[in-house]
Amino acid sequence: MNILIIDDEKTILKTVYSQLMEMELGMERIDTADSAGEAKECMKKYHYDIFLCDIVMPEMDGITFAKWVLEEYSDVKIIFLTAYADVKYMKEAISMQSFDYVLQPVSTEELKSVVERAVSQIKIERKNLELMNKGAFFQTYEENILEAGALQYLEGSNTDDSYIRRLISYHNTNSAGESVYLPVLIQVLKTQKHLEKIEKPILRLIYQNILDEVFQELGVCSIVMLEENSTDFAMLLYWKRQLAYEREVISDKLESFRILSFRVLMTTMAIYCGNVCGPAELPKYSLPLFQAQRDNVRQESRVFLPRENEKEAGSNSYKLQLNIWKKLLEQEQFQDFRDSILSYISNDYRGRMNASGMMNLHQSITQILLAYLVNHQIGSDVIFDEELPYLTYMNAWQRYDLFEKAMTHITEKLQKLIGSKDTRDVVQETIKYIRQHLDSDVSVSEIAEFAGMNPEYLTKLFKKNTGYTLKEYIVNEKMESAKMLLATTTLPVTLISSHVGYGNYSNFTRSFKQLTGCTPMEYRKSAANQKMQ
């Protein structure tokens, strides 16, 4: 708080200022002014909570100044300081509800007592105002506040049941214990854009009208709880205990609500229906509904019952498929790779794929993809771009449609990347390089480096186009060159061995015999005999 002392007597100003400073009141500012005019100038810079003001002053007296201050700032406290015990002034000061009236000279103790009372009253008034504002705010937004607290309780993020109890009391006029409750979670899968902009109270009424229409004949009431910043919502259905409806009866009506919501609002929903229970059991039967929503990775629009939510997809059943998907990827059958995975999720699991199973499947697919990219020297930034950032891909397991979109993006990228290479040119250049280096011990890694490819990938590509692996082709070319030299020249076999890149004569002879079925010398004699004939 701030205090302003106003008096045309500088001695009094100095004295009162010193007294206040000695009190250590914890004020932020204690300022002085020698006239009402100077006080107004100070008030342009700072807000003051307490004024210690002389009554008799030139130009504008203290009473007139105080009236002006209270008109501008009704919550401040005015303490009059004067040396004149004038009854007229005292009556006027009292009539304008000034805080206090102190005669000069005033002792430090008396002044401190008056100022501390003023500080205490200001604090009390401010606290009361805050409480009134909170009360007014709560009355205005009571339903929204209760909904938010009730949703947190049902989700398990807090254990305070006061919000849900007050929300039930706010809606349910039945006596305690007369009603039973059924928690329901609504996931809005698709809706019209203009519906997202409707204010919560109006949207609540829209849903409430449809629910009333559906459940009217059963005497079932509903409490709609809209989530903040979300189109999803939860609700409590309740009815008198003696009606004793089975869950299946209510779920049939919820299916009607789902269909009506689509026809009236063009809103597609997934509805997760809990079990009938008392108020104390609501968290027990509502928590599984939020897990069921996370498990609905295929975004199916239907009514889910608790027993369906408990079904688990075999988390390891897809392991047998991994080798098939890996082979499809290695064979560059990218479209089949994608379709096989998506078909497996759609057909083999028959809609039972939950969030845990989807996450594990996603991790396994990711391992296959990353291994393929590494083996083929494809940078991940080529695949994961602005259209599909890596973080977006890593979270794609949460919904089937996101996963499908991600797989389509990746396979199209790979198809474009691998399909854009002229494999025939690469193979022909590789053959040319091998023939130019027959006189050296050329290796597969050396040839791959020349071609700018991964050795394993180049070998696979080469075999696909020629029917031979790189090693087989190198040996065949060397032996064909050796056969030509043996048949057309008289060069020693050891020299021919060197000409085709074999430093070791024994290795050359062994390789030659494995390929032709005879030794180099036997081949030369056979070729010579054929010439003579």
Protein backbone atom coordinates (compact mmCIF):
# COMPACT_ATOMS: atom_id res chain seq x y z
CA MET A 1 0.00 0.00 0.00
CA ASN A 2 0.94 3.67 -0.43
CA ILE A 3 0.37 6.63 1.90
CA LEU A 4 0.22 10.32 0.96
CA ILE A 5 0.61 13.02 3.66
CA ILE A 6 -0.88 16.46 2.77
CA ASP A 7 -0.26 19.57 4.89
CA ASP A 8 0.72 23.14 4.12
CA GLU A 9 2.93 23.23 7.23
CA LYS A 10 6.31 21.77 6.26
CA THR A 11 7.22 21.11 9.91
CA ILE A 12 4.12 18.95 10.35
CA LEU A 13 4.82 17.19 7.05
CA LYS A 14 8.33 16.34 8.17
CA THR A 15 7.21 15.20 11.62
CA VAL A 16 4.39 12.94 10.42
CA TYR A 17 6.63 11.51 7.67
CA SER A 18 9.32 10.65 10.28
CA GLN A 19 6.74 9.05 12.58
CA LEU A 20 5.41 6.82 9.77
CA MET A 21 8.90 5.79 8.69
CA GLU A 22 9.74 4.72 12.27
CA MET A 23 6.66 2.51 12.42
CA GLU A 24 7.93 0.08 9.74
CA LEU A 25 4.45 -0.44 8.38
CA GLY A 26 5.71 -2.24 5.27
CA MET A 27 4.38 0.44 2.91
CA GLU A 28 5.66 0.55 -0.64
CA ARG A 29 5.59 4.38 -0.73
CA ILE A 30 5.17 7.19 1.82
CA ASP A 31 5.00 10.51 -0.01
CA THR A 32 4.30 14.13 1.01
CA ALA A 33 2.51 17.09 -0.60
CA ASP A 34 2.17 20.67 0.70
CA SER A 35 -1.16 21.35 -1.03
CA ALA A 36 -4.16 19.67 -2.60
CA GLY A 37 -2.83 20.66 -6.03
CA GLU A 38 0.52 18.95 -5.42
CA ALA A 39 -1.35 15.92 -4.05
CA LYS A 40 -3.30 15.64 -7.32
CA GLU A 41 -0.03 15.72 -9.27
CA CYS A 42 1.32 12.86 -7.12
CA MET A 43 -1.85 10.90 -7.77
CA LYS A 44 -1.22 11.08 -11.50
CA LYS A 45 1.93 8.97 -10.95
CA TYR A 46 0.93 6.64 -8.12
CA HIS A 47 -2.15 5.12 -6.52
CA TYR A 48 -2.53 5.89 -2.83
CA ASP A 49 -4.56 3.81 -0.40
CA ILE A 50 -4.38 6.05 2.70
CA PHE A 51 -4.41 9.86 2.86
CA LEU A 52 -3.34 11.77 5.98
CA CYS A 53 -4.74 15.20 5.18
CA ASP A 54 -4.86 18.58 6.95
CA ILE A 55 -8.28 20.27 6.90
CA VAL A 56 -7.33 23.96 6.82
CA MET A 57 -5.24 24.58 3.71
CA PRO A 58 -5.05 27.46 1.18
CA GLU A 59 -6.62 27.17 -2.28
CA MET A 60 -8.48 23.88 -1.56
CA ASP A 61 -9.26 22.77 1.99
CA GLY A 62 -8.94 19.18 3.16
CA ILE A 63 -12.71 18.52 3.22
CA THR A 64 -13.14 19.57 -0.42
CA PHE A 65 -10.06 17.58 -1.47
CA ALA A 66 -11.29 14.50 0.40
CA LYS A 67 -14.69 14.65 -1.34
CA TRP A 68 -12.95 14.79 -4.71
CA VAL A 69 -10.69 11.81 -3.82
CA LEU A 70 -13.59 9.65 -2.61
CA GLU A 71 -15.56 10.38 -5.78
CA GLU A 72 -12.59 9.13 -7.84
CA TYR A 73 -11.46 6.28 -5.54
CA SER A 74 -14.21 5.11 -3.21
CA ASP A 75 -12.11 2.40 -1.55
CA VAL A 76 -9.37 4.70 -0.09
CA LYS A 77 -9.17 5.81 3.54
CA ILE A 78 -8.99 9.48 4.57
CA ILE A 79 -7.49 10.35 7.98
CA PHE A 80 -7.86 14.03 8.84
CA LEU A 81 -5.02 15.72 10.75
CA THR A 82 -5.78 19.12 12.24
CA ALA A 83 -4.81 21.34 15.15
CA TYR A 84 -8.36 22.74 15.39
CA ALA A 85 -11.00 20.78 17.29
CA ASP A 86 -13.73 22.52 15.35
CA VAL A 87 -17.13 20.84 15.79
CA LYS A 88 -18.25 22.03 12.34
CA TYR A 89 -15.27 20.35 10.64
CA MET A 90 -15.70 17.16 12.69
CA LYS A 91 -19.41 16.89 11.77
CA GLU A 92 -18.66 17.37 8.09
CA ALA A 93 -15.83 14.83 8.21
CA ILE A 94 -18.10 12.29 9.87
CA SER A 95 -20.92 12.94 7.38
CA MET A 96 -18.66 12.16 4.43
CA GLN A 97 -17.61 8.87 6.05
CA SER A 98 -13.95 9.69 6.38
CA PHE A 99 -12.00 6.99 8.16
CA ASP A 100 -10.80 8.96 11.20
CA TYR A 101 -10.09 12.37 12.70
CA VAL A 102 -6.84 12.99 14.63
CA LEU A 103 -5.90 16.15 16.53
CA GLN A 104 -2.39 17.55 16.25
CA PRO A 105 0.04 17.12 17.79
CA VAL A 106 -0.47 13.35 17.63
CA SER A 107 1.73 10.82 19.38
CA THR A 108 3.51 8.12 17.38
CA GLU A 109 1.53 5.42 19.19
CA GLU A 110 -1.83 7.02 18.42
CA LEU A 111 -0.91 7.68 14.80
CA LYS A 112 0.32 4.11 14.38
CA SER A 113 -2.90 2.74 15.86
CA VAL A 114 -5.05 4.80 13.47
CA VAL A 115 -3.02 3.87 10.39
CA GLU A 116 -2.94 0.16 11.28
CA ARG A 117 -6.75 0.19 11.69
CA ALA A 118 -7.02 1.73 8.22
CA VAL A 119 -4.69 -0.92 6.77
CA SER A 120 -6.70 -3.71 8.41
CA GLN A 121 -10.00 -2.35 7.10
CA ILE A 122 -8.62 -2.04 3.57
CA LYS A 123 -7.42 -5.66 3.68
CA ILE A 124 -10.78 -6.87 4.95
CA GLU A 125 -12.70 -4.91 2.33
CA ARG A 126 -10.45 -6.17 -0.44
CA LYS A 127 -10.82 -9.75 0.73
CA ASN A 128 -14.60 -9.39 0.90
CA LEU A 129 -14.65 -7.89 -2.59
CA GLU A 130 -12.56 -10.79 -3.87
CA LEU A 131 -14.93 -13.29 -2.29
CA MET A 132 -17.94 -11.50 -3.76
CA ASN A 133 -16.32 -11.46 -7.20
CA LYS A 134 -15.54 -15.16 -6.92
CA GLY A 135 -19.10 -15.82 -5.85
CA ALA A 136 -20.49 -13.84 -8.76
CA PHE A 137 -18.12 -15.61 -11.16
CA PHE A 138 -19.09 -19.01 -9.78
CA GLN A 139 -22.79 -18.22 -10.08
CA THR A 140 -22.29 -17.14 -13.71
CA TYR A 141 -20.12 -20.09 -14.70
CA GLU A 142 -21.20 -22.60 -12.06
CA GLU A 143 -22.17 -25.35 -14.49
CA ASN A 144 -18.93 -25.01 -16.48
CA ILE A 145 -16.83 -25.09 -13.31
CA LEU A 146 -18.67 -28.13 -11.96
CA GLU A 147 -18.35 -29.91 -15.33
CA ALA A 148 -14.59 -29.36 -15.49
CA GLY A 149 -14.08 -30.67 -11.96
CA ALA A 150 -16.41 -33.63 -12.53
CA LEU A 151 -14.60 -34.62 -15.73
CA GLN A 152 -11.24 -34.59 -13.95
CA TYR A 153 -12.74 -36.83 -11.28
CA LEU A 154 -14.13 -39.28 -13.83
CA GLU A 155 -10.81 -39.32 -15.73
CA GLY A 156 -8.96 -40.09 -12.51
CA SER A 157 -6.82 -36.92 -12.58
CA ASN A 158 -8.11 -35.95 -9.11
CA THR A 159 -9.88 -37.68 -6.26
CA ASP A 160 -12.12 -34.77 -5.20
CA ASP A 161 -15.71 -35.96 -5.61
CA SER A 162 -17.28 -32.65 -4.49
CA TYR A 163 -17.69 -31.41 -8.08
CA ILE A 164 -19.53 -34.52 -9.27
CA ARG A 165 -21.74 -34.51 -6.17
CA ARG A 166 -22.63 -30.83 -6.63
CA LEU A 167 -23.20 -31.34 -10.36
CA ILE A 168 -25.60 -34.20 -9.62
CA SER A 169 -27.40 -32.08 -7.02
CA TYR A 170 -27.55 -29.22 -9.51
CA HIS A 171 -29.46 -31.40 -12.00
CA ASN A 172 -31.05 -34.27 -10.08
CA THR A 173 -34.01 -33.31 -7.92
CA ASN A 174 -34.47 -36.86 -6.62
CA SER A 175 -33.51 -37.57 -3.04
CA ALA A 176 -30.09 -39.08 -2.34
CA GLY A 177 -30.00 -42.81 -3.02
CA GLU A 178 -33.11 -42.80 -5.21
CA SER A 179 -31.22 -42.78 -8.53
CA VAL A 180 -28.69 -45.02 -10.26
CA TYR A 181 -26.13 -43.68 -12.75
CA LEU A 182 -24.45 -44.82 -15.94
CA PRO A 183 -21.30 -43.02 -17.19
CA VAL A 184 -21.01 -42.50 -20.95
CA LEU A 185 -18.15 -41.03 -22.99
CA ILE A 186 -18.82 -39.48 -26.41
CA GLN A 187 -15.97 -39.18 -28.92
CA VAL A 188 -16.82 -36.84 -31.79
CA LEU A 189 -15.05 -38.30 -34.82
CA LYS A 190 -16.29 -35.87 -37.44
CA THR A 191 -18.56 -32.85 -37.33
CA GLN A 192 -19.51 -29.76 -39.26
CA LYS A 193 -17.00 -26.95 -38.74
CA HIS A 194 -19.64 -24.42 -37.71
CA LEU A 195 -20.66 -26.72 -34.85
CA GLU A 196 -17.18 -26.37 -33.31
CA LYS A 197 -17.74 -22.61 -32.97
CA ILE A 198 -21.03 -22.85 -31.07
CA GLU A 199 -20.78 -21.68 -27.46
CA LYS A 200 -20.80 -24.40 -24.83
CA PRO A 201 -24.18 -23.57 -23.24
CA ILE A 202 -25.89 -23.68 -26.64
CA LEU A 203 -24.09 -26.87 -27.68
CA ARG A 204 -25.05 -28.47 -24.38
CA LEU A 205 -28.70 -27.63 -25.01
CA ILE A 206 -28.53 -29.07 -28.54
CA TYR A 207 -27.22 -32.41 -27.25
CA GLN A 208 -29.64 -32.29 -24.33
CA ASN A 209 -32.61 -31.91 -26.68
CA ILE A 210 -31.60 -34.97 -28.70
CA LEU A 211 -31.04 -37.01 -25.51
CA ASP A 212 -34.43 -35.95 -24.12
CA GLU A 213 -36.09 -37.03 -27.35
CA VAL A 214 -34.38 -40.44 -27.26
CA PHE A 215 -34.82 -41.25 -23.55
CA GLN A 216 -38.13 -39.52 -22.81
CA GLU A 217 -40.26 -42.66 -22.86
CA LEU A 218 -37.92 -44.42 -20.42
CA GLY A 219 -37.80 -41.60 -17.92
CA VAL A 220 -34.01 -41.48 -18.17
CA CYS A 221 -32.38 -38.10 -17.50
CA SER A 222 -28.93 -36.91 -18.56
CA ILE A 223 -26.15 -34.57 -17.43
CA VAL A 224 -23.93 -33.42 -20.30
CA MET A 225 -20.33 -32.46 -19.45
CA LEU A 226 -18.51 -30.72 -22.30
CA GLU A 227 -14.72 -30.91 -22.38
CA GLU A 228 -12.77 -27.67 -22.62
CA ASN A 229 -11.12 -27.07 -26.03
CA SER A 230 -12.55 -30.32 -27.38
CA THR A 231 -15.61 -31.54 -29.24
CA ASP A 232 -15.70 -34.70 -27.10
CA PHE A 233 -17.94 -34.83 -24.05
CA ALA A 234 -19.04 -37.11 -21.23
CA MET A 235 -22.46 -37.58 -19.72
CA LEU A 236 -24.19 -39.23 -16.82
CA LEU A 237 -27.48 -40.99 -17.49
CA TYR A 238 -29.59 -41.47 -14.39
CA TRP A 239 -33.02 -42.84 -13.52
CA LYS A 240 -34.98 -43.93 -10.48
CA ARG A 241 -33.60 -47.08 -8.93
CA GLN A 242 -36.92 -48.95 -9.07
CA LEU A 243 -36.98 -48.78 -12.89
CA ALA A 244 -34.03 -51.19 -12.98
CA TYR A 245 -33.09 -50.88 -16.68
CA GLU A 246 -30.51 -53.30 -18.06
CA ARG A 247 -27.41 -51.89 -19.73
CA GLU A 248 -28.46 -53.36 -23.10
CA VAL A 249 -31.71 -51.35 -23.06
CA ILE A 250 -29.77 -48.13 -22.52
CA SER A 251 -27.15 -49.04 -25.15
CA ASP A 252 -29.92 -49.46 -27.75
CA LYS A 253 -31.08 -45.93 -26.98
CA LEU A 254 -27.51 -44.66 -27.19
CA GLU A 255 -27.33 -46.15 -30.69
CA SER A 256 -30.45 -44.11 -31.52
CA PHE A 257 -28.73 -41.03 -30.13
CA ARG A 258 -25.69 -41.74 -32.32
CA ILE A 259 -27.83 -42.06 -35.46
CA LEU A 260 -29.95 -38.99 -34.65
CA SER A 261 -26.80 -36.91 -34.01
CA PHE A 262 -25.57 -37.82 -37.46
CA ARG A 263 -28.87 -37.05 -39.16
CA VAL A 264 -29.55 -33.79 -37.33
CA LEU A 265 -26.02 -32.43 -36.79
CA MET A 266 -24.00 -34.38 -39.38
CA THR A 267 -21.83 -35.48 -36.45
CA THR A 268 -20.18 -38.92 -36.41
CA MET A 269 -19.65 -40.34 -32.92
CA ALA A 270 -18.12 -43.26 -31.06
CA ILE A 271 -20.03 -43.91 -27.82
CA TYR A 272 -18.45 -45.73 -24.87
CA CYS A 273 -21.03 -47.03 -22.40
CA GLY A 274 -20.16 -47.90 -18.79
CA ASN A 275 -22.06 -49.93 -16.19
CA VAL A 276 -25.01 -48.97 -13.99
CA CYS A 277 -23.75 -47.94 -10.54
CA GLY A 278 -24.14 -45.64 -7.57
CA PRO A 279 -22.38 -42.24 -7.37
CA ALA A 280 -19.45 -43.63 -5.37
CA GLU A 281 -18.66 -46.21 -8.09
CA LEU A 282 -18.57 -43.75 -10.99
CA PRO A 283 -14.73 -43.57 -11.26
CA LYS A 284 -14.53 -47.37 -11.33
CA TYR A 285 -16.80 -47.59 -14.37
CA SER A 286 -15.78 -44.38 -16.14
CA LEU A 287 -11.98 -44.85 -16.22
CA PRO A 288 -12.17 -47.82 -18.65
CA LEU A 289 -14.18 -45.65 -21.04
CA PHE A 290 -11.28 -43.22 -21.52
CA GLN A 291 -8.96 -46.18 -22.19
CA ALA A 292 -11.48 -47.58 -24.67
CA GLN A 293 -11.42 -44.25 -26.50
CA ARG A 294 -7.63 -44.47 -26.81
CA ASP A 295 -7.96 -48.07 -28.01
CA ASN A 296 -10.36 -47.11 -30.80
CA VAL A 297 -7.48 -46.55 -33.21
CA ARG A 298 -9.69 -47.35 -36.19
CA GLN A 299 -12.05 -44.49 -35.21
CA GLU A 300 -15.09 -46.76 -35.49
CA SER A 301 -18.47 -45.09 -35.11
CA ARG A 302 -20.61 -47.34 -32.91
CA VAL A 303 -21.60 -48.02 -29.30
CA PHE A 304 -18.86 -49.78 -27.31
CA LEU A 305 -19.87 -51.84 -24.27
CA PRO A 306 -17.51 -52.58 -21.35
CA ARG A 307 -16.98 -56.23 -22.20
CA GLU A 308 -15.83 -55.23 -25.70
CA ASN A 309 -13.37 -52.78 -24.24
CA GLU A 310 -11.69 -55.57 -22.31
CA LYS A 311 -10.81 -57.56 -25.44
CA GLU A 312 -7.13 -57.66 -26.26
CA ALA A 313 -5.62 -58.19 -29.66
CA GLY A 314 -2.83 -60.73 -29.66
CA SER A 315 0.17 -58.44 -29.32
CA ASN A 316 2.55 -60.95 -30.90
CA SER A 317 0.25 -62.35 -33.60
CA TYR A 318 1.71 -60.04 -36.24
CA LYS A 319 5.26 -61.31 -35.64
CA LEU A 320 4.73 -64.01 -38.27
CA GLN A 321 3.92 -61.29 -40.80
CA LEU A 322 7.10 -59.29 -40.23
CA ASN A 323 9.26 -61.45 -42.51
CA ILE A 324 6.67 -61.15 -45.29
CA TRP A 325 6.59 -57.35 -44.95
CA LYS A 326 10.37 -57.23 -44.83
CA LYS A 327 10.67 -59.25 -48.06
CA LEU A 328 8.09 -57.09 -49.81
CA LEU A 329 10.11 -54.02 -48.87
CA GLU A 330 13.42 -55.55 -50.00
CA GLN A 331 11.81 -56.55 -53.31
CA GLU A 332 10.69 -52.93 -53.72
CA GLN A 333 7.04 -53.93 -53.82
CA PHE A 334 6.14 -50.83 -51.85
CA GLN A 335 2.42 -50.75 -52.62
CA ASP A 336 2.03 -54.42 -51.62
CA PHE A 337 4.04 -53.69 -48.47
CA ARG A 338 1.61 -50.93 -47.46
CA ASP A 339 -1.56 -52.81 -48.46
CA SER A 340 -0.49 -55.98 -46.66
CA ILE A 341 0.03 -54.12 -43.37
CA LEU A 342 -3.24 -52.17 -43.57
CA SER A 343 -5.17 -55.27 -44.64
CA TYR A 344 -3.75 -57.18 -41.70
CA ILE A 345 -4.93 -54.52 -39.26
CA SER A 346 -8.37 -54.32 -40.86
CA ASN A 347 -9.07 -58.01 -41.45
CA ASP A 348 -6.95 -60.18 -39.17
CA TYR A 349 -7.77 -58.21 -36.02
CA ARG A 350 -11.42 -57.73 -37.05
CA GLY A 351 -11.61 -54.39 -35.28
CA ARG A 352 -9.96 -55.63 -32.06
CA MET A 353 -6.73 -53.69 -32.50
CA ASN A 354 -6.21 -51.60 -29.37
CA ALA A 355 -3.78 -48.78 -28.63
CA SER A 356 -1.14 -51.06 -27.11
CA GLY A 357 -1.20 -53.49 -30.05
CA MET A 358 -1.11 -50.62 -32.54
CA MET A 359 1.88 -49.05 -30.80
CA ASN A 360 3.83 -52.33 -30.83
CA LEU A 361 3.01 -52.92 -34.49
CA HIS A 362 4.08 -49.38 -35.34
CA GLN A 363 7.42 -49.91 -33.58
CA SER A 364 8.10 -53.13 -35.51
CA ILE A 365 7.23 -51.51 -38.85
CA THR A 366 9.48 -48.57 -37.97
CA GLN A 367 12.42 -50.91 -37.33
CA ILE A 368 11.95 -52.53 -40.75
CA LEU A 369 11.69 -49.15 -42.47
CA LEU A 370 14.73 -47.61 -40.77
CA ALA A 371 16.85 -50.71 -41.51
CA TYR A 372 15.84 -50.47 -45.17
CA LEU A 373 16.76 -46.76 -45.31
CA VAL A 374 20.16 -47.41 -43.73
CA ASN A 375 20.95 -50.37 -46.00
CA HIS A 376 20.09 -48.34 -49.08
CA GLN A 377 21.80 -45.17 -47.89
CA ILE A 378 18.58 -43.17 -47.98
CA GLY A 379 18.53 -40.25 -45.57
CA SER A 380 15.52 -40.14 -43.23
CA ASP A 381 15.07 -36.45 -44.08
CA VAL A 382 14.19 -37.53 -47.63
CA ILE A 383 11.20 -39.52 -46.34
CA PHE A 384 10.16 -37.47 -43.31
CA ASP A 385 9.58 -33.99 -44.72
CA GLU A 386 7.22 -31.07 -44.03
CA GLU A 387 4.25 -33.14 -45.18
CA LEU A 388 5.12 -35.94 -42.74
CA PRO A 389 7.49 -34.77 -39.97
CA TYR A 390 9.21 -37.57 -38.07
CA LEU A 391 7.42 -36.63 -34.82
CA THR A 392 4.05 -36.83 -36.56
CA TYR A 393 4.96 -40.28 -37.90
CA MET A 394 6.04 -41.49 -34.45
CA ASN A 395 2.61 -40.55 -33.04
CA ALA A 396 0.66 -42.00 -35.97
CA TRP A 397 -0.08 -45.24 -34.06
CA GLN A 398 -2.71 -43.43 -32.01
CA ARG A 399 -5.22 -43.46 -34.87
CA TYR A 400 -5.62 -45.83 -37.79
CA ASP A 401 -6.34 -43.04 -40.29
CA LEU A 402 -3.12 -41.23 -39.30
CA PHE A 403 -1.15 -44.47 -39.62
CA GLU A 404 -2.70 -45.20 -43.02
CA LYS A 405 -1.84 -41.69 -44.23
CA ALA A 406 1.75 -42.02 -42.97
CA MET A 407 2.27 -45.41 -44.64
CA THR A 408 0.90 -44.05 -47.92
CA HIS A 409 3.27 -41.08 -47.78
CA ILE A 410 6.31 -43.28 -47.05
CA THR A 411 5.62 -45.86 -49.76
CA GLU A 412 4.94 -43.18 -52.37
CA LYS A 413 8.21 -41.49 -51.46
CA LEU A 414 10.13 -44.76 -51.76
CA GLN A 415 8.41 -45.63 -55.03
CA LYS A 416 9.34 -42.28 -56.49
CA LEU A 417 12.90 -42.44 -55.15
CA ILE A 418 13.78 -46.01 -56.14
CA GLY A 419 11.68 -46.00 -59.29
CA SER A 420 13.44 -42.87 -60.57
CA LYS A 421 16.78 -44.63 -60.88
CA ASP A 422 17.64 -46.16 -64.30
CA THR A 423 18.77 -49.54 -63.03
CA ARG A 424 19.82 -50.67 -66.51
CA ASP A 425 22.38 -47.88 -66.75
CA VAL A 426 23.75 -48.76 -63.32
CA VAL A 427 24.12 -52.44 -64.29
CA GLN A 428 25.77 -51.64 -67.60
CA GLU A 429 28.21 -49.24 -65.96
CA THR A 430 29.01 -51.90 -63.38
CA ILE A 431 29.69 -54.52 -66.10
CA LYS A 432 31.92 -52.06 -67.94
CA TYR A 433 33.87 -51.33 -64.76
CA ILE A 434 34.36 -55.07 -64.05
CA ARG A 435 35.69 -55.72 -67.58
CA GLN A 436 38.07 -52.78 -67.36
CA HIS A 437 39.52 -54.12 -64.11
CA LEU A 438 39.78 -57.85 -64.83
CA ASP A 439 43.53 -57.70 -64.26
CA SER A 440 43.04 -56.66 -60.62
CA ASP A 441 41.51 -58.29 -57.59
CA VAL A 442 38.40 -56.08 -57.74
CA SER A 443 36.02 -56.37 -54.74
CA VAL A 444 32.26 -55.94 -54.43
CA SER A 445 32.68 -52.98 -52.05
CA GLU A 446 35.01 -51.27 -54.56
CA ILE A 447 32.45 -51.69 -57.36
CA ALA A 448 29.62 -50.47 -55.09
CA GLU A 449 31.62 -47.38 -54.22
CA PHE A 450 32.10 -46.72 -57.94
CA ALA A 451 28.34 -47.11 -58.51
CA GLY A 452 27.50 -44.97 -55.47
CA MET A 453 25.34 -47.64 -53.87
CA ASN A 454 25.18 -49.88 -50.86
CA PRO A 455 26.98 -53.23 -51.65
CA GLU A 456 24.00 -55.37 -50.65
CA TYR A 457 21.57 -53.28 -52.66
CA LEU A 458 23.84 -53.23 -55.75
CA THR A 459 24.24 -57.02 -55.54
CA LYS A 460 20.48 -57.47 -55.36
CA LEU A 461 19.92 -55.03 -58.24
CA PHE A 462 22.63 -56.69 -60.34
CA LYS A 463 21.24 -60.19 -59.80
CA LYS A 464 17.72 -59.00 -60.60
CA ASN A 465 18.92 -57.76 -64.02
CA THR A 466 21.59 -60.38 -64.92
CA GLY A 467 20.74 -63.49 -62.92
CA TYR A 468 24.19 -63.41 -61.27
CA THR A 469 25.51 -61.98 -58.07
CA LEU A 470 28.43 -59.56 -58.42
CA LYS A 471 30.93 -62.16 -57.18
CA GLU A 472 29.61 -64.78 -59.61
CA TYR A 473 29.76 -62.34 -62.51
CA ILE A 474 33.32 -61.22 -61.69
CA VAL A 475 34.56 -64.82 -61.59
CA ASN A 476 32.74 -65.69 -64.84
CA GLU A 477 34.24 -62.70 -66.64
CA LYS A 478 37.74 -63.54 -65.40
CA MET A 479 37.41 -67.15 -66.50
CA GLU A 480 36.05 -66.16 -69.94
CA SER A 481 39.06 -63.88 -70.42
CA ALA A 482 41.40 -66.68 -69.24
CA LYS A 483 39.81 -69.16 -71.68
CA MET A 484 40.32 -66.72 -74.56
CA LEU A 485 44.02 -66.27 -73.64
CA LEU A 486 44.56 -70.00 -73.23
CA ALA A 487 43.00 -70.77 -76.60
CA THR A 488 44.60 -67.98 -78.67
CA THR A 489 48.04 -67.42 -77.13
CA THR A 490 51.05 -69.39 -75.93
CA LEU A 491 51.38 -67.30 -72.73
CA PRO A 492 52.32 -69.35 -69.68
CA VAL A 493 49.38 -70.21 -67.42
CA THR A 494 51.00 -68.36 -64.52
CA LEU A 495 51.09 -65.17 -66.61
CA ILE A 496 47.47 -65.62 -67.70
CA SER A 497 46.58 -66.03 -64.04
CA SER A 498 48.09 -62.60 -63.34
CA HIS A 499 46.34 -61.06 -66.37
CA VAL A 500 42.93 -61.97 -64.92
CA GLY A 501 43.72 -60.66 -61.44
CA TYR A 502 44.81 -63.82 -59.61
CA GLY A 503 48.04 -63.35 -57.71
CA ASN A 504 47.93 -66.94 -56.50
CA TYR A 505 48.25 -69.59 -59.25
CA SER A 506 46.65 -72.30 -57.11
CA ASN A 507 43.54 -70.18 -56.49
CA PHE A 508 43.26 -69.49 -60.23
CA THR A 509 43.54 -73.18 -61.12
CA ARG A 510 40.96 -74.15 -58.51
CA SER A 511 38.46 -71.52 -59.64
CA PHE A 512 39.01 -72.41 -63.33
CA LYS A 513 38.38 -76.10 -62.71
CA GLN A 514 35.27 -75.40 -60.61
CA LEU A 515 33.77 -73.40 -63.45
CA THR A 516 34.91 -75.40 -66.53
CA GLY A 517 35.44 -78.88 -65.13
CA CYS A 518 39.08 -79.02 -66.25
CA THR A 519 42.46 -77.44 -65.44
CA PRO A 520 43.82 -74.52 -67.52
CA MET A 521 46.38 -76.82 -69.23
CA GLU A 522 43.69 -79.37 -70.07
CA TYR A 523 41.54 -76.60 -71.53
CA ARG A 524 44.48 -75.36 -73.71
CA LYS A 525 45.12 -78.85 -75.11
CA SER A 526 41.40 -79.33 -75.84
CA ALA A 527 41.23 -75.98 -77.63
CA ALA A 528 44.35 -76.84 -79.70
CA ASN A 529 42.89 -80.20 -80.75
CA GLN A 530 39.68 -78.52 -81.88
CA LYS A 531 41.72 -76.13 -84.08
CA MET A 532 43.60 -79.00 -85.74
CA GLN A 533 40.38 -80.74 -86.51
